Amino acid sequence: MKIINNIESIEKPFKNAVVTIGNFDGVHIGHQALFHEVIEKADSISGTSVAITFNPHPAKILKQKGHLPLITIHEQKIELIEKTGIDVLICIPFTREFAQLPALEFVRDLLIKRIGMKAIVVGNDYAFGKNREGNTDFLKACSKEYDFEVIVADWISISSATSNTLPGRISSTKIRKLIADGRVAKAQQVLGRYYQIRGIVAKGRDRGGKLLGFPTANIEIQDELCPKKGVYAVIVEHNGLKHKGVANIGYSPTFNDNIFTIEVHILDFNENIYGGNIRVNFVKRIRDELKFSGISELSEQIKKDIDKARSILSL
């Protein structure tokens, strides 16, 4: 996949470009279906499949009082889009000035002249341009003058992807809630993969191995969205290898620390990984974070958590 971070660097239009545009936070199965439709259309006209996204997320620039945490950091979003088979990813630097670009100029100058768009695939609620003045009706009107096809894709509903989750179409907002509620197994069904956080292994309080008998990796998280406090069965990725593990998210109430931490005990693992990059995939929530009477009771519970995690991860 070719990655373009500067529109001005596009020297000539792509051959028969088929385009989709969005923030694609989470790159969930709804987004993936959109990408696949773009690829199929591009293949049918011997063209180029193109995805356009923004960095930073527009909400970070436009919202005065902060923004919702992103499901995927930009680095991971790029990796996930590449896996879909898209030919070209254009990451437009989003600024307040760019937000003022009229919809017609966006279509005419960027999509048609610069990119060479012959077809665009969007959801039926897609809106763009200054004051969100562009929509599917606007695109259809433009298509007559500029000779491109508008394909309005059907949304994938959650009911068709999984049951007992959240009703309606799949959306980043609903997935964000599932993760925040600790419902990571349900989130996996609509993401099409395990929810993952990334970070660096930092020096912790050195209690896991010495006091409890279970060494842990203390993670300085790079992501914005963290699952609900509690204990989870996880799959840990380090140096290209995958390991089973148990993660604890919370404030270590047994020790009255009141310091938020994410700690992972990697099963059957005995390597020094301080300072290393680590990825933690959340498979299933095991229990709430609890306060125990002391180290002995906590240690016994960790043994049970490990047994539970082994059982979950062996399925």
C-alpha atoms as a PDB file:
ATOM      1  CA  MET A   1       0.000   0.000   0.000  1.00  0.00           C
ATOM      2  CA  LYS A   2       1.276   3.435  -0.936  1.00  0.00           C
ATOM      3  CA  ILE A   3       0.938   5.987   1.871  1.00  0.00           C
ATOM      4  CA  ILE A   4       0.673   9.686   1.022  1.00  0.00           C
ATOM      5  CA  ASN A   5       0.899  12.255   3.824  1.00  0.00           C
ATOM      6  CA  ASN A   6       0.921  15.378   1.673  1.00  0.00           C
ATOM      7  CA  ILE A   7      -1.680  16.042  -1.015  1.00  0.00           C
ATOM      8  CA  GLU A   8       0.752  18.290  -2.866  1.00  0.00           C
ATOM      9  CA  SER A   9       3.081  15.330  -3.397  1.00  0.00           C
ATOM     10  CA  ILE A  10       0.563  13.650  -5.724  1.00  0.00           C
ATOM     11  CA  GLU A  11       2.213  14.385  -9.061  1.00  0.00           C
ATOM     12  CA  LYS A  12      -0.486  12.997 -11.332  1.00  0.00           C
ATOM     13  CA  PRO A  13      -3.981  11.503 -10.961  1.00  0.00           C
ATOM     14  CA  PHE A  14      -4.261   7.804 -10.229  1.00  0.00           C
ATOM     15  CA  LYS A  15      -5.627   5.513 -12.905  1.00  0.00           C
ATOM     16  CA  ASN A  16      -9.434   5.211 -12.569  1.00  0.00           C
ATOM     17  CA  ALA A  17      -9.355   5.990  -8.862  1.00  0.00           C
ATOM     18  CA  VAL A  18     -12.135   4.539  -6.731  1.00  0.00           C
ATOM     19  CA  VAL A  19     -12.259   6.470  -3.471  1.00  0.00           C
ATOM     20  CA  THR A  20     -13.699   6.193   0.011  1.00  0.00           C
ATOM     21  CA  ILE A  21     -13.299   8.836   2.699  1.00  0.00           C
ATOM     22  CA  GLY A  22     -13.627   8.735   6.466  1.00  0.00           C
ATOM     23  CA  ASN A  23     -12.007   8.800   9.871  1.00  0.00           C
ATOM     24  CA  PHE A  24     -12.205   4.989  10.052  1.00  0.00           C
ATOM     25  CA  ASP A  25     -11.588   4.917  13.801  1.00  0.00           C
ATOM     26  CA  GLY A  26     -11.312   1.278  14.792  1.00  0.00           C
ATOM     27  CA  VAL A  27     -11.284   0.016  11.183  1.00  0.00           C
ATOM     28  CA  HIS A  28     -14.186  -2.210  12.235  1.00  0.00           C
ATOM     29  CA  ILE A  29     -15.966  -4.748  10.019  1.00  0.00           C
ATOM     30  CA  GLY A  30     -18.233  -2.018   8.660  1.00  0.00           C
ATOM     31  CA  HIS A  31     -15.197  -0.064   7.476  1.00  0.00           C
ATOM     32  CA  GLN A  32     -13.629  -3.245   6.145  1.00  0.00           C
ATOM     33  CA  ALA A  33     -16.744  -3.955   4.058  1.00  0.00           C
ATOM     34  CA  LEU A  34     -16.483  -0.434   2.634  1.00  0.00           C
ATOM     35  CA  PHE A  35     -12.839  -0.987   1.678  1.00  0.00           C
ATOM     36  CA  HIS A  36     -13.637  -4.309   0.044  1.00  0.00           C
ATOM     37  CA  GLU A  37     -16.366  -2.654  -2.041  1.00  0.00           C
ATOM     38  CA  VAL A  38     -13.847  -0.024  -3.146  1.00  0.00           C
ATOM     39  CA  ILE A  39     -11.344  -2.725  -4.107  1.00  0.00           C
ATOM     40  CA  GLU A  40     -13.949  -4.732  -6.046  1.00  0.00           C
ATOM     41  CA  LYS A  41     -15.076  -1.643  -7.962  1.00  0.00           C
ATOM     42  CA  ALA A  42     -11.475  -0.662  -8.737  1.00  0.00           C
ATOM     43  CA  ASP A  43     -10.741  -4.159  -9.997  1.00  0.00           C
ATOM     44  CA  SER A  44     -13.791  -4.038 -12.270  1.00  0.00           C
ATOM     45  CA  ILE A  45     -12.518  -0.906 -14.061  1.00  0.00           C
ATOM     46  CA  SER A  46      -8.789  -1.727 -13.881  1.00  0.00           C
ATOM     47  CA  GLY A  47      -8.422   1.138 -11.470  1.00  0.00           C
ATOM     48  CA  THR A  48      -6.761   2.144  -8.203  1.00  0.00           C
ATOM     49  CA  SER A  49      -8.412   1.702  -4.808  1.00  0.00           C
ATOM     50  CA  VAL A  50      -7.905   4.791  -2.660  1.00  0.00           C
ATOM     51  CA  ALA A  51      -8.816   5.459   0.973  1.00  0.00           C
ATOM     52  CA  ILE A  52      -8.669   9.005   2.351  1.00  0.00           C
ATOM     53  CA  THR A  53      -8.454   9.682   6.066  1.00  0.00           C
ATOM     54  CA  PHE A  54      -7.353  12.520   8.322  1.00  0.00           C
ATOM     55  CA  ASN A  55      -4.600  13.073  10.843  1.00  0.00           C
ATOM     56  CA  PRO A  56      -5.192  14.212  13.477  1.00  0.00           C
ATOM     57  CA  HIS A  57      -8.814  13.138  13.865  1.00  0.00           C
ATOM     58  CA  PRO A  58     -11.028  16.162  13.048  1.00  0.00           C
ATOM     59  CA  ALA A  59     -12.608  16.044  16.507  1.00  0.00           C
ATOM     60  CA  LYS A  60      -9.245  16.883  18.048  1.00  0.00           C
ATOM     61  CA  ILE A  61      -9.155  20.107  16.078  1.00  0.00           C
ATOM     62  CA  LEU A  62     -12.804  21.142  16.004  1.00  0.00           C
ATOM     63  CA  LYS A  63     -14.108  20.248  19.466  1.00  0.00           C
ATOM     64  CA  GLN A  64     -13.462  22.894  22.079  1.00  0.00           C
ATOM     65  CA  LYS A  65     -13.946  20.671  25.134  1.00  0.00           C
ATOM     66  CA  GLY A  66     -11.885  17.655  24.218  1.00  0.00           C
ATOM     67  CA  HIS A  67     -12.885  14.609  22.218  1.00  0.00           C
ATOM     68  CA  LEU A  68     -13.785  10.982  22.702  1.00  0.00           C
ATOM     69  CA  PRO A  69     -10.815   8.616  22.989  1.00  0.00           C
ATOM     70  CA  LEU A  70      -9.849   7.003  19.708  1.00  0.00           C
ATOM     71  CA  ILE A  71     -10.155   3.234  19.297  1.00  0.00           C
ATOM     72  CA  THR A  72      -7.037   3.062  17.148  1.00  0.00           C
ATOM     73  CA  ILE A  73      -4.015   5.314  17.162  1.00  0.00           C
ATOM     74  CA  HIS A  74      -2.975   6.557  13.721  1.00  0.00           C
ATOM     75  CA  GLU A  75      -0.123   4.059  13.396  1.00  0.00           C
ATOM     76  CA  GLN A  76      -2.418   1.092  13.978  1.00  0.00           C
ATOM     77  CA  LYS A  77      -5.117   2.495  11.700  1.00  0.00           C
ATOM     78  CA  ILE A  78      -2.621   2.572   8.835  1.00  0.00           C
ATOM     79  CA  GLU A  79      -1.586  -1.039   9.523  1.00  0.00           C
ATOM     80  CA  LEU A  80      -5.210  -2.217   9.589  1.00  0.00           C
ATOM     81  CA  ILE A  81      -6.161  -0.418   6.379  1.00  0.00           C
ATOM     82  CA  GLU A  82      -3.130  -1.900   4.645  1.00  0.00           C
ATOM     83  CA  LYS A  83      -4.314  -5.386   5.590  1.00  0.00           C
ATOM     84  CA  THR A  84      -7.557  -4.843   3.655  1.00  0.00           C
ATOM     85  CA  GLY A  85      -5.657  -4.627   0.367  1.00  0.00           C
ATOM     86  CA  ILE A  86      -6.271  -0.947  -0.426  1.00  0.00           C
ATOM     87  CA  ASP A  87      -3.765   0.350  -3.016  1.00  0.00           C
ATOM     88  CA  VAL A  88      -3.311   3.915  -1.765  1.00  0.00           C
ATOM     89  CA  LEU A  89      -3.946   5.579   1.596  1.00  0.00           C
ATOM     90  CA  ILE A  90      -3.998   9.373   1.643  1.00  0.00           C
ATOM     91  CA  CYS A  91      -3.647  10.886   5.127  1.00  0.00           C
ATOM     92  CA  ILE A  92      -4.740  14.506   4.907  1.00  0.00           C
ATOM     93  CA  PRO A  93      -3.337  16.789   7.632  1.00  0.00           C
ATOM     94  CA  PHE A  94      -6.505  18.137   9.242  1.00  0.00           C
ATOM     95  CA  THR A  95      -6.501  21.802  10.221  1.00  0.00           C
ATOM     96  CA  ARG A  96      -9.109  24.460  10.889  1.00  0.00           C
ATOM     97  CA  GLU A  97      -8.252  25.920   7.497  1.00  0.00           C
ATOM     98  CA  PHE A  98      -8.914  22.605   5.777  1.00  0.00           C
ATOM     99  CA  ALA A  99     -12.250  22.347   7.620  1.00  0.00           C
ATOM    100  CA  GLN A 100     -13.336  25.561   5.857  1.00  0.00           C
ATOM    101  CA  LEU A 101     -12.843  24.056   2.392  1.00  0.00           C
ATOM    102  CA  PRO A 102     -16.178  24.157   0.524  1.00  0.00           C
ATOM    103  CA  ALA A 103     -17.563  20.790  -0.533  1.00  0.00           C
ATOM    104  CA  LEU A 104     -17.455  21.690  -4.228  1.00  0.00           C
ATOM    105  CA  GLU A 105     -13.756  22.591  -4.081  1.00  0.00           C
ATOM    106  CA  PHE A 106     -13.031  19.352  -2.230  1.00  0.00           C
ATOM    107  CA  VAL A 107     -14.703  17.319  -4.972  1.00  0.00           C
ATOM    108  CA  ARG A 108     -13.488  19.307  -7.962  1.00  0.00           C
ATOM    109  CA  ASP A 109      -9.941  20.225  -6.965  1.00  0.00           C
ATOM    110  CA  LEU A 110      -8.920  17.355  -4.723  1.00  0.00           C
ATOM    111  CA  LEU A 111     -10.941  14.298  -5.712  1.00  0.00           C
ATOM    112  CA  ILE A 112     -11.301  14.906  -9.450  1.00  0.00           C
ATOM    113  CA  LYS A 113      -8.271  16.934 -10.551  1.00  0.00           C
ATOM    114  CA  ARG A 114      -5.650  15.785  -8.051  1.00  0.00           C
ATOM    115  CA  ILE A 115      -6.665  12.164  -7.383  1.00  0.00           C
ATOM    116  CA  GLY A 116      -8.479  11.294 -10.606  1.00  0.00           C
ATOM    117  CA  MET A 117     -11.633   9.897  -9.009  1.00  0.00           C
ATOM    118  CA  LYS A 118     -13.924   7.823 -11.238  1.00  0.00           C
ATOM    119  CA  ALA A 119     -16.101   6.435  -8.438  1.00  0.00           C
ATOM    120  CA  ILE A 120     -16.683   7.110  -4.744  1.00  0.00           C
ATOM    121  CA  VAL A 121     -18.014   4.659  -2.160  1.00  0.00           C
ATOM    122  CA  VAL A 122     -19.596   6.147   0.974  1.00  0.00           C
ATOM    123  CA  GLY A 123     -22.171   5.354   3.624  1.00  0.00           C
ATOM    124  CA  ASN A 124     -25.604   6.940   3.350  1.00  0.00           C
ATOM    125  CA  ASP A 125     -24.942   9.402   6.179  1.00  0.00           C
ATOM    126  CA  TYR A 126     -21.616  10.640   4.825  1.00  0.00           C
ATOM    127  CA  ALA A 127     -21.091  14.421   5.074  1.00  0.00           C
ATOM    128  CA  PHE A 128     -18.067  16.569   4.264  1.00  0.00           C
ATOM    129  CA  GLY A 129     -16.854  20.063   3.475  1.00  0.00           C
ATOM    130  CA  LYS A 130     -17.408  23.386   5.210  1.00  0.00           C
ATOM    131  CA  ASN A 131     -20.356  23.096   7.636  1.00  0.00           C
ATOM    132  CA  ARG A 132     -20.829  19.514   6.380  1.00  0.00           C
ATOM    133  CA  GLU A 133     -22.552  20.940   3.293  1.00  0.00           C
ATOM    134  CA  GLY A 134     -21.614  17.943   1.156  1.00  0.00           C
ATOM    135  CA  ASN A 135     -23.632  14.719   1.360  1.00  0.00           C
ATOM    136  CA  THR A 136     -24.689  11.852  -0.886  1.00  0.00           C
ATOM    137  CA  ASP A 137     -27.238  14.008  -2.752  1.00  0.00           C
ATOM    138  CA  PHE A 138     -24.545  16.631  -3.326  1.00  0.00           C
ATOM    139  CA  LEU A 139     -22.155  13.973  -4.644  1.00  0.00           C
ATOM    140  CA  LYS A 140     -24.802  12.613  -7.020  1.00  0.00           C
ATOM    141  CA  ALA A 141     -25.416  16.107  -8.346  1.00  0.00           C
ATOM    142  CA  CYS A 142     -21.660  16.650  -8.843  1.00  0.00           C
ATOM    143  CA  SER A 143     -21.292  13.283 -10.546  1.00  0.00           C
ATOM    144  CA  LYS A 144     -23.358  14.426 -13.510  1.00  0.00           C
ATOM    145  CA  GLU A 145     -21.047  17.361 -14.195  1.00  0.00           C
ATOM    146  CA  TYR A 146     -17.725  15.694 -13.391  1.00  0.00           C
ATOM    147  CA  ASP A 147     -18.503  12.205 -14.667  1.00  0.00           C
ATOM    148  CA  PHE A 148     -17.949   9.911 -11.702  1.00  0.00           C
ATOM    149  CA  GLU A 149     -20.061   7.209 -10.088  1.00  0.00           C
ATOM    150  CA  VAL A 150     -21.488   7.469  -6.577  1.00  0.00           C
ATOM    151  CA  ILE A 151     -21.922   4.164  -4.746  1.00  0.00           C
ATOM    152  CA  VAL A 152     -23.824   4.363  -1.470  1.00  0.00           C
ATOM    153  CA  ALA A 153     -22.869   1.297   0.531  1.00  0.00           C
ATOM    154  CA  ASP A 154     -25.236  -0.484   2.881  1.00  0.00           C
ATOM    155  CA  TRP A 155     -24.244  -0.328   6.525  1.00  0.00           C
ATOM    156  CA  ILE A 156     -23.585  -3.610   8.275  1.00  0.00           C
ATOM    157  CA  SER A 157     -25.944  -3.941  11.225  1.00  0.00           C
ATOM    158  CA  ILE A 158     -24.740  -5.328  14.520  1.00  0.00           C
ATOM    159  CA  SER A 159     -27.607  -7.811  14.520  1.00  0.00           C
ATOM    160  CA  SER A 160     -26.153  -9.416  11.395  1.00  0.00           C
ATOM    161  CA  ALA A 161     -22.643  -9.453  12.825  1.00  0.00           C
ATOM    162  CA  THR A 162     -23.299 -10.543  16.389  1.00  0.00           C
ATOM    163  CA  SER A 163     -26.151 -10.882  18.844  1.00  0.00           C
ATOM    164  CA  ASN A 164     -26.695  -9.362  22.286  1.00  0.00           C
ATOM    165  CA  THR A 165     -24.317  -6.475  21.694  1.00  0.00           C
ATOM    166  CA  LEU A 166     -25.796  -3.098  20.860  1.00  0.00           C
ATOM    167  CA  PRO A 167     -28.644  -2.723  18.345  1.00  0.00           C
ATOM    168  CA  GLY A 168     -28.398  -0.867  15.055  1.00  0.00           C
ATOM    169  CA  ARG A 169     -25.544  -0.378  12.630  1.00  0.00           C
ATOM    170  CA  ILE A 170     -21.944  -0.928  13.573  1.00  0.00           C
ATOM    171  CA  SER A 171     -20.288   2.314  14.616  1.00  0.00           C
ATOM    172  CA  SER A 172     -17.095   3.443  16.301  1.00  0.00           C
ATOM    173  CA  THR A 173     -19.216   5.021  19.060  1.00  0.00           C
ATOM    174  CA  LYS A 174     -20.820   1.699  19.958  1.00  0.00           C
ATOM    175  CA  ILE A 175     -17.518  -0.164  19.850  1.00  0.00           C
ATOM    176  CA  ARG A 176     -15.955   2.502  22.063  1.00  0.00           C
ATOM    177  CA  LYS A 177     -18.705   1.886  24.635  1.00  0.00           C
ATOM    178  CA  LEU A 178     -18.234  -1.887  24.517  1.00  0.00           C
ATOM    179  CA  ILE A 179     -14.534  -1.480  25.263  1.00  0.00           C
ATOM    180  CA  ALA A 180     -15.090   1.110  27.994  1.00  0.00           C
ATOM    181  CA  ASP A 181     -17.590  -1.297  29.586  1.00  0.00           C
ATOM    182  CA  GLY A 182     -15.061  -4.132  29.492  1.00  0.00           C
ATOM    183  CA  ARG A 183     -17.084  -6.124  26.951  1.00  0.00           C
ATOM    184  CA  VAL A 184     -13.997  -6.922  24.919  1.00  0.00           C
ATOM    185  CA  ALA A 185     -15.265 -10.284  23.639  1.00  0.00           C
ATOM    186  CA  LYS A 186     -18.261  -8.505  22.083  1.00  0.00           C
ATOM    187  CA  ALA A 187     -16.016  -5.750  20.728  1.00  0.00           C
ATOM    188  CA  GLN A 188     -13.924  -8.433  19.011  1.00  0.00           C
ATOM    189  CA  GLN A 189     -16.952  -9.623  17.068  1.00  0.00           C
ATOM    190  CA  VAL A 190     -17.603  -6.200  15.519  1.00  0.00           C
ATOM    191  CA  LEU A 191     -13.967  -5.161  15.162  1.00  0.00           C
ATOM    192  CA  GLY A 192     -13.104  -8.394  13.409  1.00  0.00           C
ATOM    193  CA  ARG A 193     -10.081  -8.766  15.715  1.00  0.00           C
ATOM    194  CA  TYR A 194      -9.182  -8.403  19.397  1.00  0.00           C
ATOM    195  CA  TYR A 195      -9.068  -4.901  20.799  1.00  0.00           C
ATOM    196  CA  GLN A 196      -5.423  -4.010  21.195  1.00  0.00           C
ATOM    197  CA  ILE A 197      -3.447  -1.504  23.212  1.00  0.00           C
ATOM    198  CA  ARG A 198       0.211  -0.683  22.643  1.00  0.00           C
ATOM    199  CA  GLY A 199       2.857   0.632  24.950  1.00  0.00           C
ATOM    200  CA  ILE A 200       6.325   0.477  26.394  1.00  0.00           C
ATOM    201  CA  VAL A 201       7.238  -1.812  29.287  1.00  0.00           C
ATOM    202  CA  ALA A 202       8.302   0.453  32.147  1.00  0.00           C
ATOM    203  CA  LYS A 203       9.798  -0.230  35.543  1.00  0.00           C
ATOM    204  CA  GLY A 204       6.974  -0.849  37.979  1.00  0.00           C
ATOM    205  CA  ARG A 205       6.859  -1.189  41.755  1.00  0.00           C
ATOM    206  CA  ASP A 206       8.670  -4.541  41.596  1.00  0.00           C
ATOM    207  CA  ARG A 207       6.007  -6.337  43.601  1.00  0.00           C
ATOM    208  CA  GLY A 208       4.695  -8.875  41.104  1.00  0.00           C
ATOM    209  CA  GLY A 209       7.603 -11.286  41.205  1.00  0.00           C
ATOM    210  CA  LYS A 210       9.028 -10.610  44.658  1.00  0.00           C
ATOM    211  CA  LEU A 211       5.845 -10.329  46.730  1.00  0.00           C
ATOM    212  CA  LEU A 212       3.274 -12.250  44.742  1.00  0.00           C
ATOM    213  CA  GLY A 213       5.356 -14.729  42.772  1.00  0.00           C
ATOM    214  CA  PHE A 214       3.980 -13.514  39.450  1.00  0.00           C
ATOM    215  CA  PRO A 215       6.227 -11.029  37.590  1.00  0.00           C
ATOM    216  CA  THR A 216       4.352  -8.432  35.588  1.00  0.00           C
ATOM    217  CA  ALA A 217       5.111  -6.012  32.776  1.00  0.00           C
ATOM    218  CA  ASN A 218       3.984  -2.507  33.665  1.00  0.00           C
ATOM    219  CA  ILE A 219       2.779  -0.792  30.480  1.00  0.00           C
ATOM    220  CA  GLU A 220       2.971   2.882  29.614  1.00  0.00           C
ATOM    221  CA  ILE A 221       0.018   2.929  27.251  1.00  0.00           C
ATOM    222  CA  GLN A 222       0.162   4.809  23.957  1.00  0.00           C
ATOM    223  CA  ASP A 223      -3.529   4.368  23.131  1.00  0.00           C
ATOM    224  CA  GLU A 224      -6.317   6.700  24.191  1.00  0.00           C
ATOM    225  CA  LEU A 225      -8.976   4.101  24.996  1.00  0.00           C
ATOM    226  CA  CYS A 226      -8.485   1.652  27.844  1.00  0.00           C
ATOM    227  CA  PRO A 227     -10.878  -1.161  28.787  1.00  0.00           C
ATOM    228  CA  LYS A 228     -12.768  -1.019  32.079  1.00  0.00           C
ATOM    229  CA  LYS A 229     -10.908  -1.792  35.295  1.00  0.00           C
ATOM    230  CA  GLY A 230     -10.564  -5.489  35.922  1.00  0.00           C
ATOM    231  CA  VAL A 231      -8.708  -8.668  35.028  1.00  0.00           C
ATOM    232  CA  TYR A 232      -8.556  -9.968  31.456  1.00  0.00           C
ATOM    233  CA  ALA A 233      -7.299 -12.952  29.499  1.00  0.00           C
ATOM    234  CA  VAL A 234      -4.972 -11.490  26.868  1.00  0.00           C
ATOM    235  CA  ILE A 235      -2.621 -12.357  24.048  1.00  0.00           C
ATOM    236  CA  VAL A 236       0.641 -10.439  24.237  1.00  0.00           C
ATOM    237  CA  GLU A 237       2.751  -9.609  21.181  1.00  0.00           C
ATOM    238  CA  HIS A 238       6.457  -8.905  21.651  1.00  0.00           C
ATOM    239  CA  ASN A 239       9.210  -9.064  19.043  1.00  0.00           C
ATOM    240  CA  GLY A 240       6.853 -10.688  16.558  1.00  0.00           C
ATOM    241  CA  LEU A 241       5.898 -13.518  18.914  1.00  0.00           C
ATOM    242  CA  LYS A 242       2.576 -14.120  20.661  1.00  0.00           C
ATOM    243  CA  HIS A 243       2.199 -15.204  24.281  1.00  0.00           C
ATOM    244  CA  LYS A 244      -0.757 -15.949  26.524  1.00  0.00           C
ATOM    245  CA  GLY A 245      -1.222 -13.666  29.500  1.00  0.00           C
ATOM    246  CA  VAL A 246      -3.351 -12.093  32.214  1.00  0.00           C
ATOM    247  CA  ALA A 247      -3.781  -8.316  32.413  1.00  0.00           C
ATOM    248  CA  ASN A 248      -4.866  -6.274  35.401  1.00  0.00           C
ATOM    249  CA  ILE A 249      -6.190  -2.775  34.835  1.00  0.00           C
ATOM    250  CA  GLY A 250      -6.825  -0.541  37.808  1.00  0.00           C
ATOM    251  CA  TYR A 251      -5.540   0.965  41.033  1.00  0.00           C
ATOM    252  CA  SER A 252      -4.258  -2.053  43.037  1.00  0.00           C
ATOM    253  CA  PRO A 253      -6.742  -1.518  45.907  1.00  0.00           C
ATOM    254  CA  THR A 254      -5.133  -4.229  48.031  1.00  0.00           C
ATOM    255  CA  PHE A 255      -2.045  -2.004  48.310  1.00  0.00           C
ATOM    256  CA  ASN A 256      -3.983   1.302  48.524  1.00  0.00           C
ATOM    257  CA  ASP A 257      -1.811   2.769  45.772  1.00  0.00           C
ATOM    258  CA  ASN A 258      -4.459   4.905  44.068  1.00  0.00           C
ATOM    259  CA  ILE A 259      -2.193   4.902  40.990  1.00  0.00           C
ATOM    260  CA  PHE A 260      -3.698   3.709  37.717  1.00  0.00           C
ATOM    261  CA  THR A 261      -1.684   0.925  36.103  1.00  0.00           C
ATOM    262  CA  ILE A 262      -1.909  -1.687  33.373  1.00  0.00           C
ATOM    263  CA  GLU A 263       0.089  -4.761  34.337  1.00  0.00           C
ATOM    264  CA  VAL A 264       0.453  -7.973  32.367  1.00  0.00           C
ATOM    265  CA  HIS A 265       1.679 -11.335  33.601  1.00  0.00           C
ATOM    266  CA  ILE A 266       2.912 -13.266  30.556  1.00  0.00           C
ATOM    267  CA  LEU A 267       2.419 -16.989  31.035  1.00  0.00           C
ATOM    268  CA  ASP A 268       5.432 -19.279  30.831  1.00  0.00           C
ATOM    269  CA  PHE A 269       7.714 -16.339  30.035  1.00  0.00           C
ATOM    270  CA  ASN A 270      10.954 -15.303  31.690  1.00  0.00           C
ATOM    271  CA  GLU A 271      12.669 -12.561  29.698  1.00  0.00           C
ATOM    272  CA  ASN A 272      13.734  -9.027  30.533  1.00  0.00           C
ATOM    273  CA  ILE A 273      11.609  -6.813  28.298  1.00  0.00           C
ATOM    274  CA  TYR A 274      11.952  -3.464  30.112  1.00  0.00           C
ATOM    275  CA  GLY A 275      11.924  -0.642  27.593  1.00  0.00           C
ATOM    276  CA  GLY A 276      10.515  -2.876  24.884  1.00  0.00           C
ATOM    277  CA  ASN A 277       7.392  -2.305  22.835  1.00  0.00           C
ATOM    278  CA  ILE A 278       4.470  -4.541  23.630  1.00  0.00           C
ATOM    279  CA  ARG A 279       0.996  -5.105  22.245  1.00  0.00           C
ATOM    280  CA  VAL A 280      -1.814  -6.497  24.369  1.00  0.00           C
ATOM    281  CA  ASN A 281      -4.872  -8.073  22.724  1.00  0.00           C
ATOM    282  CA  PHE A 282      -7.892  -8.335  25.016  1.00  0.00           C
ATOM    283  CA  VAL A 283      -9.679 -11.656  24.632  1.00  0.00           C
ATOM    284  CA  LYS A 284     -12.140 -11.817  27.543  1.00  0.00           C
ATOM    285  CA  ARG A 285     -12.815 -10.119  30.860  1.00  0.00           C
ATOM    286  CA  ILE A 286     -12.376 -12.465  33.813  1.00  0.00           C
ATOM    287  CA  ARG A 287     -13.503 -10.377  36.787  1.00  0.00           C
ATOM    288  CA  ASP A 288     -13.720  -6.969  38.429  1.00  0.00           C
ATOM    289  CA  GLU A 289     -10.765  -5.502  40.253  1.00  0.00           C
ATOM    290  CA  LEU A 290     -11.141  -6.452  43.935  1.00  0.00           C
ATOM    291  CA  LYS A 291      -9.578  -5.538  47.252  1.00  0.00           C
ATOM    292  CA  PHE A 292      -8.145  -8.492  49.163  1.00  0.00           C
ATOM    293  CA  SER A 293      -7.228  -8.902  52.817  1.00  0.00           C
ATOM    294  CA  GLY A 294      -3.557  -9.223  52.025  1.00  0.00           C
ATOM    295  CA  ILE A 295      -0.816 -10.596  49.813  1.00  0.00           C
ATOM    296  CA  SER A 296      -1.657 -14.247  50.470  1.00  0.00           C
ATOM    297  CA  GLU A 297      -5.304 -13.922  49.433  1.00  0.00           C
ATOM    298  CA  LEU A 298      -4.368 -11.834  46.392  1.00  0.00           C
ATOM    299  CA  SER A 299      -1.744 -14.385  45.336  1.00  0.00           C
ATOM    300  CA  GLU A 300      -4.283 -17.212  45.554  1.00  0.00           C
ATOM    301  CA  GLN A 301      -6.719 -15.224  43.416  1.00  0.00           C
ATOM    302  CA  ILE A 302      -4.036 -14.543  40.801  1.00  0.00           C
ATOM    303  CA  LYS A 303      -3.462 -18.320  40.561  1.00  0.00           C
ATOM    304  CA  LYS A 304      -7.183 -18.742  39.851  1.00  0.00           C
ATOM    305  CA  ASP A 305      -7.076 -15.923  37.292  1.00  0.00           C
ATOM    306  CA  ILE A 306      -4.180 -17.593  35.501  1.00  0.00           C
ATOM    307  CA  ASP A 307      -6.005 -20.936  35.415  1.00  0.00           C
ATOM    308  CA  LYS A 308      -9.104 -19.172  34.047  1.00  0.00           C
ATOM    309  CA  ALA A 309      -7.025 -17.363  31.422  1.00  0.00           C
ATOM    310  CA  ARG A 310      -5.371 -20.609  30.334  1.00  0.00           C
ATOM    311  CA  SER A 311      -8.801 -22.150  29.921  1.00  0.00           C
ATOM    312  CA  ILE A 312     -10.123 -19.217  27.878  1.00  0.00           C
ATOM    313  CA  LEU A 313      -7.044 -18.979  25.688  1.00  0.00           C
ATOM    314  CA  SER A 314      -6.926 -22.703  24.984  1.00  0.00           C
ATOM    315  CA  LEU A 315     -10.323 -22.630  23.249  1.00  0.00           C
END
